[in-house]
Amino acid sequence: MADGTGDLARRLVLDGTAEGFTVAVAESLTGGLLAAAITSVPGASAVFRGSVTAYATEIKASVLGVDAALLAREGAVDAEVARQMAAGVRRLLGADVGLATTGVAGPTEQDGKPVGLVYIGYAGPGSEPIAEELRLTGDREAIRAQAVRQALALAFKNG
């Protein structure tokens, strides 16, 4: 992973092992790529609790506990949805940190939201969940790869 994603994933696993924290991820647009980046690192089992790929909107509500009224009103690509996804997967899988990705990878817009609009959610101990809005460029593959990298980076901004 020439873009630094592998280095970030390694650092997450090493830091989590050394500091004794665990991570779980909820993914929509990245479809399992964030979990794959983390689990590609030897020793990830000490840190990684698991993941939920909530690609369908109703799964965000039924499995992760995202407010169904919020999803109906705002759609799946929304900052509060990302926060609730992160908090939901953290709670569901019993992790110290929850990360989440939701957005539009393209090739076309979704529910009036432009291609490249991505939200990364973070939920950790001792603070309210947060979300970071990203405006990414490139094709579908590039947007998804950038979202994975930014999700890993967000863990370090707030961990």
Protein backbone atom coordinates (compact mmCIF):
# COMPACT_ATOMS: atom_id res chain seq x y z
CA MET A 1 0.00 0.00 0.00
CA ALA A 2 2.14 2.80 -1.35
CA ASP A 3 -0.19 5.54 -0.08
CA GLY A 4 0.76 4.96 3.57
CA THR A 5 -2.35 2.94 4.44
CA GLY A 6 -0.29 -0.12 5.38
CA ASP A 7 1.93 1.97 7.65
CA LEU A 8 -1.11 3.46 9.40
CA ALA A 9 -2.68 0.03 9.85
CA ARG A 10 0.58 -1.35 11.28
CA ARG A 11 0.84 1.59 13.65
CA LEU A 12 -2.76 1.07 14.80
CA VAL A 13 -2.10 -2.59 15.57
CA LEU A 14 1.23 -1.89 17.29
CA ASP A 15 -0.18 0.98 19.36
CA GLY A 16 -3.31 -0.96 20.23
CA THR A 17 -1.25 -3.93 21.36
CA ALA A 18 1.13 -1.79 23.42
CA GLU A 19 -1.61 0.37 24.95
CA GLY A 20 -4.21 -2.36 25.32
CA PHE A 21 -7.05 -0.90 23.25
CA THR A 22 -9.32 -2.62 20.77
CA VAL A 23 -10.91 -1.43 17.52
CA ALA A 24 -14.07 -2.30 15.59
CA VAL A 25 -15.17 -0.86 12.25
CA ALA A 26 -18.47 -0.19 10.51
CA GLU A 27 -18.16 0.22 6.76
CA SER A 28 -20.44 1.31 4.01
CA LEU A 29 -18.69 2.74 0.95
CA THR A 30 -15.41 0.96 1.77
CA GLY A 31 -17.15 -2.43 1.81
CA GLY A 32 -14.66 -4.22 4.05
CA LEU A 33 -11.47 -2.54 2.84
CA LEU A 34 -10.82 -0.88 6.22
CA ALA A 35 -11.15 -4.20 8.03
CA ALA A 36 -8.90 -5.82 5.42
CA ALA A 37 -6.22 -3.15 5.89
CA ILE A 38 -6.17 -3.71 9.65
CA THR A 39 -6.29 -7.50 9.49
CA SER A 40 -3.48 -7.62 6.92
CA VAL A 41 -1.12 -6.72 9.77
CA PRO A 42 0.38 -9.65 11.70
CA GLY A 43 -0.87 -9.56 15.29
CA ALA A 44 -4.10 -7.74 14.42
CA SER A 45 -6.12 -10.26 16.44
CA ALA A 46 -4.84 -8.62 19.63
CA VAL A 47 -6.52 -5.35 18.66
CA PHE A 48 -9.23 -5.94 16.05
CA ARG A 49 -12.62 -7.01 17.44
CA GLY A 50 -14.42 -7.25 14.11
CA SER A 51 -16.45 -5.35 11.57
CA VAL A 52 -19.89 -4.78 10.15
CA THR A 53 -20.23 -4.01 6.46
CA ALA A 54 -23.51 -2.12 6.52
CA TYR A 55 -23.82 -1.41 2.82
CA ALA A 56 -27.62 -1.33 2.79
CA THR A 57 -29.21 1.61 4.58
CA GLU A 58 -31.58 -0.55 6.62
CA ILE A 59 -28.62 -2.51 8.05
CA LYS A 60 -27.23 0.71 9.46
CA ALA A 61 -30.42 1.00 11.51
CA SER A 62 -31.17 -2.64 12.35
CA VAL A 63 -27.65 -3.82 13.16
CA LEU A 64 -25.72 -0.68 14.15
CA GLY A 65 -28.57 1.21 15.78
CA VAL A 66 -28.43 4.29 13.56
CA ASP A 67 -31.62 6.32 14.00
CA ALA A 68 -34.04 5.25 11.26
CA ALA A 69 -35.69 8.69 11.18
CA LEU A 70 -32.27 10.28 10.61
CA LEU A 71 -31.60 7.88 7.73
CA ALA A 72 -35.01 8.63 6.20
CA ARG A 73 -34.47 12.38 6.54
CA GLU A 74 -30.78 12.76 5.61
CA GLY A 75 -29.87 9.54 3.82
CA ALA A 76 -26.89 7.35 4.63
CA VAL A 77 -24.26 9.91 3.64
CA ASP A 78 -24.30 12.24 6.63
CA ALA A 79 -22.02 13.24 9.51
CA GLU A 80 -24.45 12.15 12.23
CA VAL A 81 -24.92 8.80 10.49
CA ALA A 82 -21.12 8.29 10.58
CA ARG A 83 -21.02 9.18 14.29
CA GLN A 84 -23.85 6.76 15.07
CA MET A 85 -22.28 4.00 12.98
CA ALA A 86 -18.98 4.37 14.89
CA ALA A 87 -20.74 4.38 18.27
CA GLY A 88 -22.93 1.46 17.23
CA VAL A 89 -20.11 -0.82 16.13
CA ARG A 90 -18.08 0.11 19.21
CA ARG A 91 -21.00 -0.92 21.42
CA LEU A 92 -22.03 -3.98 19.36
CA LEU A 93 -18.55 -5.52 19.26
CA GLY A 94 -17.33 -4.34 22.67
CA ALA A 95 -14.39 -2.33 21.38
CA ASP A 96 -12.62 0.66 22.89
CA VAL A 97 -12.66 2.49 19.54
CA GLY A 98 -15.21 2.41 16.74
CA LEU A 99 -14.43 3.70 13.25
CA ALA A 100 -16.98 4.12 10.47
CA THR A 101 -17.08 5.04 6.78
CA THR A 102 -20.03 6.25 4.75
CA GLY A 103 -20.08 8.20 1.52
CA VAL A 104 -20.42 8.23 -2.24
CA ALA A 105 -17.69 6.42 -4.18
CA GLY A 106 -19.40 6.87 -7.54
CA PRO A 107 -19.63 6.69 -10.40
CA THR A 108 -22.86 8.66 -9.85
CA GLU A 109 -24.28 10.75 -7.03
CA GLN A 110 -26.45 9.16 -4.34
CA ASP A 111 -29.56 10.81 -2.88
CA GLY A 112 -28.37 14.17 -4.20
CA LYS A 113 -24.95 13.79 -2.54
CA PRO A 114 -21.96 14.25 -4.86
CA VAL A 115 -19.36 11.65 -5.74
CA GLY A 116 -16.43 11.97 -3.35
CA LEU A 117 -18.44 13.17 -0.33
CA VAL A 118 -17.34 10.92 2.54
CA TYR A 119 -17.82 10.97 6.30
CA ILE A 120 -15.52 9.15 8.68
CA GLY A 121 -16.87 8.48 12.16
CA TYR A 122 -14.89 7.94 15.36
CA ALA A 123 -16.19 6.84 18.76
CA GLY A 124 -13.81 6.32 21.64
CA PRO A 125 -13.76 6.32 25.41
CA GLY A 126 -14.37 9.52 27.30
CA SER A 127 -15.73 11.70 24.51
CA GLU A 128 -18.69 12.13 22.21
CA PRO A 129 -18.47 10.48 18.77
CA ILE A 130 -17.17 12.74 16.02
CA ALA A 131 -17.26 12.77 12.23
CA GLU A 132 -14.93 14.26 9.66
CA GLU A 133 -16.23 15.36 6.27
CA LEU A 134 -14.03 14.67 3.27
CA ARG A 135 -14.31 15.77 -0.35
CA LEU A 136 -12.30 13.16 -2.22
CA THR A 137 -11.45 12.98 -5.90
CA GLY A 138 -10.68 10.21 -8.34
CA ASP A 139 -12.48 7.13 -9.53
CA ARG A 140 -14.43 4.73 -7.32
CA GLU A 141 -11.37 2.71 -6.35
CA ALA A 142 -9.35 5.83 -5.49
CA ILE A 143 -12.13 7.32 -3.36
CA ARG A 144 -12.54 4.09 -1.41
CA ALA A 145 -8.79 3.77 -0.86
CA GLN A 146 -8.53 7.37 0.32
CA ALA A 147 -11.45 6.82 2.70
CA VAL A 148 -9.66 3.85 4.29
CA ARG A 149 -6.49 5.87 4.76
CA GLN A 150 -8.38 8.81 6.25
CA ALA A 151 -10.27 6.53 8.65
CA LEU A 152 -7.00 5.10 9.94
CA ALA A 153 -5.55 8.62 10.23
CA LEU A 154 -8.60 9.78 12.21
CA ALA A 155 -7.94 7.08 14.79
CA PHE A 156 -4.61 8.75 15.53
CA LYS A 157 -6.01 12.28 15.67
CA ASN A 158 -8.37 11.20 18.41
CA GLY A 159 -6.73 8.20 20.05
